[in-house]
Amino acid sequence: MKLILTADVDPLGKRGDVVDVADGYARNFLLPKQKAMRANEGALQQAEAIREARIEAERKAKETAENIATQLVGSRVVLAAQAGDEGQLYGSVGVADIVEGVKRFTGIELERGQIEIGTPIKAIGLHEIQIKAHPEVEFPLTLDIIPAS
């Protein structure tokens, strides 16, 4: 059965794609859950418009991520945290702290899901984290954790 996807369905395809699936899969899953619609002439034109809009949105998202990467690569973000005499933090620096620090230090707003820390940051000093601004745009960012006065 030929269908047009109205939502992303892994591993079948993305929104706006025209797919050919088994009748049972279409009747029992895709159509009742409104993840697809039957392909007819008018719907195919609508699917083409949806697909073009999706491609344009993905291009803009990647372009925005590349702009963020060019602004942040090579920069160092300084964060102050409460620490003991030996350099151990009283708590840890989390993703929310990093988002706030990057916004304050550079003016760039990152989302929490874009930051990959690995292990919690619990000591002062330099720490390298990964920023995944887009599935195809990933770059390192250096954090300088200093003791708060």
N, C-alpha and C. Protein backbone atom coordinates (compact mmCIF):
# COMPACT_ATOMS: atom_id res chain seq x y z
N MET A 1 0.84 -1.17 0.00
CA MET A 1 0.00 0.00 0.00
C MET A 1 0.90 1.24 0.00
N LYS A 2 0.56 2.20 -0.81
CA LYS A 2 1.34 3.42 -0.92
C LYS A 2 0.77 4.47 0.04
N LEU A 3 1.65 4.99 0.93
CA LEU A 3 1.24 5.96 1.94
C LEU A 3 2.19 7.15 1.96
N ILE A 4 1.70 8.23 2.54
CA ILE A 4 2.52 9.41 2.78
C ILE A 4 2.65 9.55 4.29
N LEU A 5 3.88 9.60 4.79
CA LEU A 5 4.10 9.71 6.24
C LEU A 5 3.76 11.12 6.71
N THR A 6 2.99 11.20 7.79
CA THR A 6 2.66 12.50 8.39
C THR A 6 3.47 12.74 9.66
N ALA A 7 4.30 11.78 10.02
CA ALA A 7 5.20 11.90 11.17
C ALA A 7 6.44 11.06 10.88
N ASP A 8 7.53 11.35 11.57
CA ASP A 8 8.74 10.54 11.42
C ASP A 8 8.50 9.15 12.00
N VAL A 9 8.81 8.11 11.25
CA VAL A 9 8.64 6.72 11.69
C VAL A 9 9.97 6.01 11.43
N ASP A 10 10.65 5.63 12.52
CA ASP A 10 11.91 4.90 12.36
C ASP A 10 11.61 3.45 12.10
N PRO A 11 12.26 2.75 11.26
CA PRO A 11 13.26 3.15 10.25
C PRO A 11 12.62 3.41 8.89
N LEU A 12 11.30 3.60 8.85
CA LEU A 12 10.57 3.72 7.59
C LEU A 12 10.90 4.99 6.83
N GLY A 13 10.86 6.15 7.49
CA GLY A 13 11.15 7.40 6.80
C GLY A 13 10.75 8.59 7.64
N LYS A 14 10.86 9.77 7.02
CA LYS A 14 10.55 11.01 7.70
C LYS A 14 9.25 11.59 7.17
N ARG A 15 8.77 12.60 7.87
CA ARG A 15 7.51 13.27 7.53
C ARG A 15 7.55 13.75 6.08
N GLY A 16 6.51 13.41 5.32
CA GLY A 16 6.42 13.84 3.93
C GLY A 16 6.93 12.81 2.94
N ASP A 17 7.59 11.76 3.39
CA ASP A 17 8.10 10.73 2.49
C ASP A 17 6.95 9.84 2.00
N VAL A 18 7.03 9.42 0.75
CA VAL A 18 6.07 8.47 0.18
C VAL A 18 6.69 7.08 0.31
N VAL A 19 5.97 6.18 0.99
CA VAL A 19 6.51 4.84 1.25
C VAL A 19 5.51 3.79 0.78
N ASP A 20 6.02 2.63 0.49
CA ASP A 20 5.20 1.49 0.11
C ASP A 20 5.35 0.45 1.21
N VAL A 21 4.26 0.16 1.92
CA VAL A 21 4.31 -0.76 3.06
C VAL A 21 3.28 -1.86 2.89
N ALA A 22 3.39 -2.87 3.72
CA ALA A 22 2.43 -3.97 3.72
C ALA A 22 1.05 -3.45 4.15
N ASP A 23 0.01 -4.04 3.59
CA ASP A 23 -1.36 -3.60 3.89
C ASP A 23 -1.67 -3.67 5.39
N GLY A 24 -1.28 -4.75 6.03
CA GLY A 24 -1.55 -4.91 7.46
C GLY A 24 -0.87 -3.87 8.31
N TYR A 25 0.38 -3.55 8.00
CA TYR A 25 1.13 -2.53 8.74
C TYR A 25 0.43 -1.18 8.59
N ALA A 26 -0.06 -0.89 7.39
CA ALA A 26 -0.76 0.37 7.15
C ALA A 26 -2.09 0.40 7.91
N ARG A 27 -2.90 -0.65 7.77
CA ARG A 27 -4.23 -0.67 8.39
C ARG A 27 -4.18 -0.75 9.91
N ASN A 28 -3.22 -1.50 10.45
CA ASN A 28 -3.20 -1.76 11.88
C ASN A 28 -2.35 -0.79 12.70
N PHE A 29 -1.41 -0.11 12.05
CA PHE A 29 -0.52 0.76 12.83
C PHE A 29 -0.48 2.19 12.29
N LEU A 30 -0.04 2.35 11.05
CA LEU A 30 0.22 3.70 10.54
C LEU A 30 -1.05 4.55 10.41
N LEU A 31 -2.08 4.02 9.82
CA LEU A 31 -3.31 4.80 9.63
C LEU A 31 -4.07 5.06 10.94
N PRO A 32 -4.27 4.06 11.82
CA PRO A 32 -4.99 4.36 13.07
C PRO A 32 -4.26 5.34 13.98
N LYS A 33 -2.95 5.31 13.97
CA LYS A 33 -2.17 6.21 14.83
C LYS A 33 -1.89 7.55 14.13
N GLN A 34 -2.46 7.73 12.95
CA GLN A 34 -2.34 8.95 12.16
C GLN A 34 -0.89 9.33 11.89
N LYS A 35 -0.08 8.31 11.63
CA LYS A 35 1.31 8.53 11.26
C LYS A 35 1.48 8.56 9.75
N ALA A 36 0.39 8.26 9.02
CA ALA A 36 0.43 8.25 7.56
C ALA A 36 -0.97 8.49 7.02
N MET A 37 -1.00 8.84 5.73
CA MET A 37 -2.28 8.97 5.04
C MET A 37 -2.14 8.33 3.67
N ARG A 38 -3.27 7.93 3.11
CA ARG A 38 -3.24 7.27 1.81
C ARG A 38 -2.73 8.23 0.74
N ALA A 39 -1.97 7.69 -0.19
CA ALA A 39 -1.39 8.50 -1.26
C ALA A 39 -2.37 8.58 -2.42
N ASN A 40 -2.83 9.80 -2.71
CA ASN A 40 -3.61 10.06 -3.92
C ASN A 40 -2.99 11.30 -4.57
N GLU A 41 -3.52 11.75 -5.66
CA GLU A 41 -2.89 12.83 -6.43
C GLU A 41 -2.75 14.11 -5.61
N GLY A 42 -3.82 14.53 -4.95
CA GLY A 42 -3.76 15.74 -4.13
C GLY A 42 -2.82 15.58 -2.95
N ALA A 43 -2.86 14.42 -2.32
CA ALA A 43 -2.00 14.16 -1.17
C ALA A 43 -0.54 14.12 -1.57
N LEU A 44 -0.24 13.63 -2.77
CA LEU A 44 1.15 13.60 -3.23
C LEU A 44 1.70 15.01 -3.40
N GLN A 45 0.87 15.93 -3.88
CA GLN A 45 1.32 17.33 -4.00
C GLN A 45 1.55 17.93 -2.62
N GLN A 46 0.66 17.61 -1.69
CA GLN A 46 0.82 18.09 -0.32
C GLN A 46 2.08 17.49 0.31
N ALA A 47 2.36 16.23 0.04
CA ALA A 47 3.55 15.57 0.58
C ALA A 47 4.81 16.24 0.05
N GLU A 48 4.80 16.62 -1.22
CA GLU A 48 5.97 17.30 -1.79
C GLU A 48 6.21 18.63 -1.07
N ALA A 49 5.14 19.36 -0.78
CA ALA A 49 5.28 20.62 -0.05
C ALA A 49 5.80 20.38 1.36
N ILE A 50 5.31 19.34 2.03
CA ILE A 50 5.78 19.00 3.38
C ILE A 50 7.26 18.63 3.35
N ARG A 51 7.65 17.83 2.37
CA ARG A 51 9.03 17.39 2.25
C ARG A 51 9.96 18.58 2.00
N GLU A 52 9.56 19.50 1.12
CA GLU A 52 10.38 20.68 0.85
C GLU A 52 10.52 21.55 2.09
N ALA A 53 9.43 21.72 2.84
CA ALA A 53 9.48 22.50 4.08
C ALA A 53 10.40 21.85 5.10
N ARG A 54 10.35 20.50 5.18
CA ARG A 54 11.21 19.78 6.13
C ARG A 54 12.67 19.94 5.77
N ILE A 55 12.98 19.84 4.47
CA ILE A 55 14.37 19.98 4.02
C ILE A 55 14.88 21.38 4.31
N GLU A 56 14.06 22.38 4.06
CA GLU A 56 14.45 23.77 4.33
C GLU A 56 14.67 23.99 5.83
N ALA A 57 13.79 23.44 6.66
CA ALA A 57 13.94 23.58 8.11
C ALA A 57 15.21 22.89 8.60
N GLU A 58 15.52 21.71 8.06
CA GLU A 58 16.76 21.01 8.44
C GLU A 58 17.99 21.80 8.01
N ARG A 59 17.93 22.42 6.83
CA ARG A 59 19.06 23.23 6.35
C ARG A 59 19.27 24.43 7.26
N LYS A 60 18.19 25.10 7.65
CA LYS A 60 18.31 26.26 8.54
C LYS A 60 18.84 25.86 9.91
N ALA A 61 18.38 24.72 10.43
CA ALA A 61 18.84 24.25 11.74
C ALA A 61 20.34 23.94 11.70
N LYS A 62 20.79 23.32 10.62
CA LYS A 62 22.22 23.01 10.49
C LYS A 62 23.03 24.29 10.36
N GLU A 63 22.52 25.26 9.61
CA GLU A 63 23.22 26.53 9.44
C GLU A 63 23.33 27.27 10.77
N THR A 64 22.26 27.27 11.56
CA THR A 64 22.28 27.89 12.88
C THR A 64 23.30 27.19 13.78
N ALA A 65 23.32 25.87 13.75
CA ALA A 65 24.27 25.10 14.56
C ALA A 65 25.71 25.40 14.15
N GLU A 66 25.96 25.53 12.85
CA GLU A 66 27.31 25.86 12.39
C GLU A 66 27.72 27.26 12.85
N ASN A 67 26.78 28.20 12.87
CA ASN A 67 27.09 29.55 13.36
C ASN A 67 27.45 29.52 14.84
N ILE A 68 26.70 28.74 15.62
CA ILE A 68 27.01 28.60 17.05
C ILE A 68 28.39 27.97 17.22
N ALA A 69 28.69 26.97 16.41
CA ALA A 69 29.99 26.29 16.51
C ALA A 69 31.13 27.25 16.20
N THR A 70 31.00 28.07 15.16
CA THR A 70 32.07 28.99 14.81
C THR A 70 32.28 30.03 15.91
N GLN A 71 31.22 30.42 16.61
CA GLN A 71 31.34 31.40 17.67
C GLN A 71 31.96 30.80 18.94
N LEU A 72 31.68 29.52 19.22
CA LEU A 72 32.12 28.93 20.47
C LEU A 72 33.42 28.14 20.39
N VAL A 73 33.78 27.64 19.21
CA VAL A 73 35.00 26.83 19.09
C VAL A 73 36.21 27.69 19.45
N GLY A 74 37.04 27.15 20.32
CA GLY A 74 38.25 27.85 20.73
C GLY A 74 38.03 28.81 21.88
N SER A 75 36.80 29.05 22.29
CA SER A 75 36.57 29.95 23.41
C SER A 75 36.59 29.16 24.72
N ARG A 76 36.76 29.89 25.79
CA ARG A 76 36.80 29.28 27.12
C ARG A 76 35.73 29.96 27.96
N VAL A 77 34.86 29.18 28.55
CA VAL A 77 33.79 29.71 29.39
C VAL A 77 34.20 29.53 30.85
N VAL A 78 34.16 30.64 31.59
CA VAL A 78 34.57 30.62 33.00
C VAL A 78 33.32 30.52 33.87
N LEU A 79 33.32 29.54 34.76
CA LEU A 79 32.22 29.34 35.71
C LEU A 79 32.78 29.35 37.13
N ALA A 80 32.09 30.04 38.02
CA ALA A 80 32.50 30.08 39.43
C ALA A 80 31.63 29.11 40.22
N ALA A 81 32.27 28.35 41.10
CA ALA A 81 31.54 27.38 41.93
C ALA A 81 32.17 27.34 43.31
N GLN A 82 31.37 27.03 44.32
CA GLN A 82 31.86 26.92 45.69
C GLN A 82 32.78 25.70 45.79
N ALA A 83 33.99 25.94 46.31
CA ALA A 83 34.96 24.85 46.39
C ALA A 83 35.69 24.88 47.73
N GLY A 84 36.19 23.73 48.12
CA GLY A 84 36.97 23.61 49.33
C GLY A 84 38.42 24.01 49.07
N ASP A 85 39.28 23.90 50.10
CA ASP A 85 40.67 24.31 49.99
C ASP A 85 41.47 23.44 49.03
N GLU A 86 41.12 22.18 48.86
CA GLU A 86 41.88 21.28 47.99
C GLU A 86 41.40 21.30 46.54
N GLY A 87 40.43 22.15 46.20
CA GLY A 87 39.96 22.26 44.83
C GLY A 87 38.75 21.41 44.51
N GLN A 88 38.23 20.70 45.50
CA GLN A 88 37.03 19.91 45.28
C GLN A 88 35.81 20.81 45.44
N LEU A 89 34.86 20.67 44.53
CA LEU A 89 33.64 21.45 44.60
C LEU A 89 32.72 20.88 45.68
N TYR A 90 31.94 21.74 46.30
CA TYR A 90 30.98 21.27 47.31
C TYR A 90 29.85 20.48 46.65
N GLY A 91 29.51 20.83 45.46
CA GLY A 91 28.51 20.08 44.70
C GLY A 91 29.16 19.64 43.40
N SER A 92 28.47 19.86 42.32
CA SER A 92 29.05 19.60 41.01
C SER A 92 28.48 20.62 40.02
N VAL A 93 29.17 20.78 38.93
CA VAL A 93 28.71 21.67 37.87
C VAL A 93 27.88 20.82 36.91
N GLY A 94 26.62 21.17 36.77
CA GLY A 94 25.72 20.39 35.93
C GLY A 94 25.41 21.09 34.62
N VAL A 95 24.56 20.47 33.85
CA VAL A 95 24.19 20.99 32.53
C VAL A 95 23.52 22.35 32.65
N ALA A 96 22.64 22.53 33.63
CA ALA A 96 21.95 23.81 33.80
C ALA A 96 22.95 24.93 34.10
N ASP A 97 23.97 24.63 34.91
CA ASP A 97 25.01 25.62 35.21
C ASP A 97 25.78 26.00 33.95
N ILE A 98 26.05 25.02 33.11
CA ILE A 98 26.80 25.27 31.88
C ILE A 98 25.97 26.11 30.92
N VAL A 99 24.68 25.79 30.78
CA VAL A 99 23.80 26.57 29.90
C VAL A 99 23.77 28.03 30.35
N GLU A 100 23.60 28.24 31.66
CA GLU A 100 23.56 29.60 32.20
C GLU A 100 24.91 30.31 32.02
N GLY A 101 26.01 29.60 32.26
CA GLY A 101 27.34 30.19 32.11
C GLY A 101 27.65 30.58 30.67
N VAL A 102 27.29 29.73 29.71
CA VAL A 102 27.52 30.04 28.30
C VAL A 102 26.69 31.24 27.89
N LYS A 103 25.46 31.30 28.36
CA LYS A 103 24.59 32.43 28.02
C LYS A 103 25.15 33.73 28.60
N ARG A 104 25.59 33.71 29.86
CA ARG A 104 26.15 34.90 30.50
C ARG A 104 27.47 35.31 29.86
N PHE A 105 28.30 34.33 29.54
CA PHE A 105 29.66 34.61 29.07
C PHE A 105 29.69 34.99 27.58
N THR A 106 28.85 34.34 26.76
CA THR A 106 28.93 34.57 25.31
C THR A 106 27.64 35.13 24.72
N GLY A 107 26.53 35.05 25.44
CA GLY A 107 25.26 35.50 24.92
C GLY A 107 24.55 34.47 24.05
N ILE A 108 25.11 33.29 23.89
CA ILE A 108 24.53 32.23 23.06
C ILE A 108 23.71 31.31 23.96
N GLU A 109 22.47 31.07 23.55
CA GLU A 109 21.60 30.18 24.32
C GLU A 109 21.67 28.77 23.76
N LEU A 110 22.15 27.84 24.58
CA LEU A 110 22.17 26.43 24.22
C LEU A 110 21.01 25.73 24.91
N GLU A 111 20.63 24.60 24.40
CA GLU A 111 19.61 23.78 25.05
C GLU A 111 20.31 22.72 25.89
N ARG A 112 19.63 22.29 26.93
CA ARG A 112 20.22 21.29 27.84
C ARG A 112 20.61 20.01 27.11
N GLY A 113 19.82 19.58 26.14
CA GLY A 113 20.09 18.35 25.42
C GLY A 113 21.29 18.41 24.50
N GLN A 114 21.79 19.61 24.23
CA GLN A 114 22.94 19.76 23.34
C GLN A 114 24.27 19.55 24.05
N ILE A 115 24.26 19.52 25.37
CA ILE A 115 25.50 19.46 26.14
C ILE A 115 25.74 18.04 26.63
N GLU A 116 26.94 17.52 26.35
CA GLU A 116 27.33 16.18 26.80
C GLU A 116 28.52 16.31 27.73
N ILE A 117 28.28 16.04 29.01
CA ILE A 117 29.34 16.20 30.01
C ILE A 117 30.16 14.93 30.19
N GLY A 118 29.53 13.79 30.19
CA GLY A 118 30.23 12.54 30.48
C GLY A 118 30.12 12.27 31.97
N THR A 119 31.13 12.65 32.73
CA THR A 119 31.09 12.50 34.18
C THR A 119 30.86 13.88 34.81
N PRO A 120 30.23 13.92 35.98
CA PRO A 120 29.99 15.21 36.63
C PRO A 120 31.30 15.95 36.92
N ILE A 121 31.27 17.24 36.80
CA ILE A 121 32.46 18.08 37.06
C ILE A 121 32.45 18.42 38.55
N LYS A 122 33.47 17.91 39.28
CA LYS A 122 33.51 18.08 40.73
C LYS A 122 34.81 18.69 41.23
N ALA A 123 35.59 19.30 40.33
CA ALA A 123 36.86 19.91 40.75
C ALA A 123 37.08 21.19 39.95
N ILE A 124 37.85 22.10 40.54
CA ILE A 124 38.19 23.32 39.81
C ILE A 124 39.24 22.98 38.75
N GLY A 125 39.38 23.84 37.77
CA GLY A 125 40.35 23.62 36.70
C GLY A 125 39.68 23.63 35.35
N LEU A 126 40.42 23.19 34.34
CA LEU A 126 39.92 23.16 32.97
C LEU A 126 39.25 21.81 32.69
N HIS A 127 38.09 21.87 32.06
CA HIS A 127 37.34 20.68 31.71
C HIS A 127 36.82 20.85 30.29
N GLU A 128 36.94 19.79 29.48
CA GLU A 128 36.44 19.85 28.10
C GLU A 128 35.16 19.04 28.00
N ILE A 129 34.13 19.68 27.43
CA ILE A 129 32.85 19.02 27.23
C ILE A 129 32.53 19.04 25.74
N GLN A 130 31.55 18.27 25.33
CA GLN A 130 31.13 18.23 23.92
C GLN A 130 29.77 18.93 23.79
N ILE A 131 29.65 19.75 22.76
CA ILE A 131 28.40 20.40 22.42
C ILE A 131 27.92 19.77 21.11
N LYS A 132 26.71 19.24 21.13
CA LYS A 132 26.13 18.65 19.92
C LYS A 132 24.95 19.53 19.51
N ALA A 133 25.27 20.58 18.73
CA ALA A 133 24.28 21.56 18.34
C ALA A 133 23.33 21.04 17.27
N HIS A 134 23.74 20.01 16.55
CA HIS A 134 22.96 19.42 15.45
C HIS A 134 23.51 18.01 15.27
N PRO A 135 22.74 17.08 14.72
CA PRO A 135 23.29 15.73 14.53
C PRO A 135 24.58 15.71 13.71
N GLU A 136 24.81 16.70 12.86
CA GLU A 136 26.03 16.74 12.05
C GLU A 136 27.04 17.76 12.53
N VAL A 137 26.73 18.51 13.60
CA VAL A 137 27.62 19.56 14.10
C VAL A 137 27.91 19.31 15.58
N GLU A 138 29.12 18.85 15.85
CA GLU A 138 29.55 18.57 17.22
C GLU A 138 30.94 19.18 17.41
N PHE A 139 31.15 19.82 18.57
CA PHE A 139 32.44 20.48 18.81
C PHE A 139 32.74 20.51 20.30
N PRO A 140 34.03 20.63 20.66
CA PRO A 140 34.40 20.70 22.08
C PRO A 140 34.30 22.13 22.59
N LEU A 141 34.05 22.26 23.88
CA LEU A 141 34.04 23.56 24.56
C LEU A 141 34.81 23.40 25.86
N THR A 142 35.70 24.36 26.13
CA THR A 142 36.51 24.29 27.34
C THR A 142 35.85 25.12 28.43
N LEU A 143 35.66 24.49 29.60
CA LEU A 143 35.14 25.17 30.77
C LEU A 143 36.29 25.42 31.74
N ASP A 144 36.36 26.60 32.28
CA ASP A 144 37.34 26.93 33.32
C ASP A 144 36.57 27.12 34.60
N ILE A 145 36.63 26.15 35.47
CA ILE A 145 35.91 26.21 36.75
C ILE A 145 36.82 26.86 37.78
N ILE A 146 36.38 27.98 38.34
CA ILE A 146 37.17 28.70 39.32
C ILE A 146 36.42 28.72 40.65
N PRO A 147 37.16 28.84 41.77
CA PRO A 147 36.46 28.91 43.06
C PRO A 147 35.74 30.24 43.21
N ALA A 148 34.51 30.19 43.69
CA ALA A 148 33.74 31.42 43.93
C ALA A 148 34.26 32.07 45.19
N SER A 149 34.30 33.39 45.17
CA SER A 149 34.83 34.11 46.35
C SER A 149 33.74 34.50 47.30
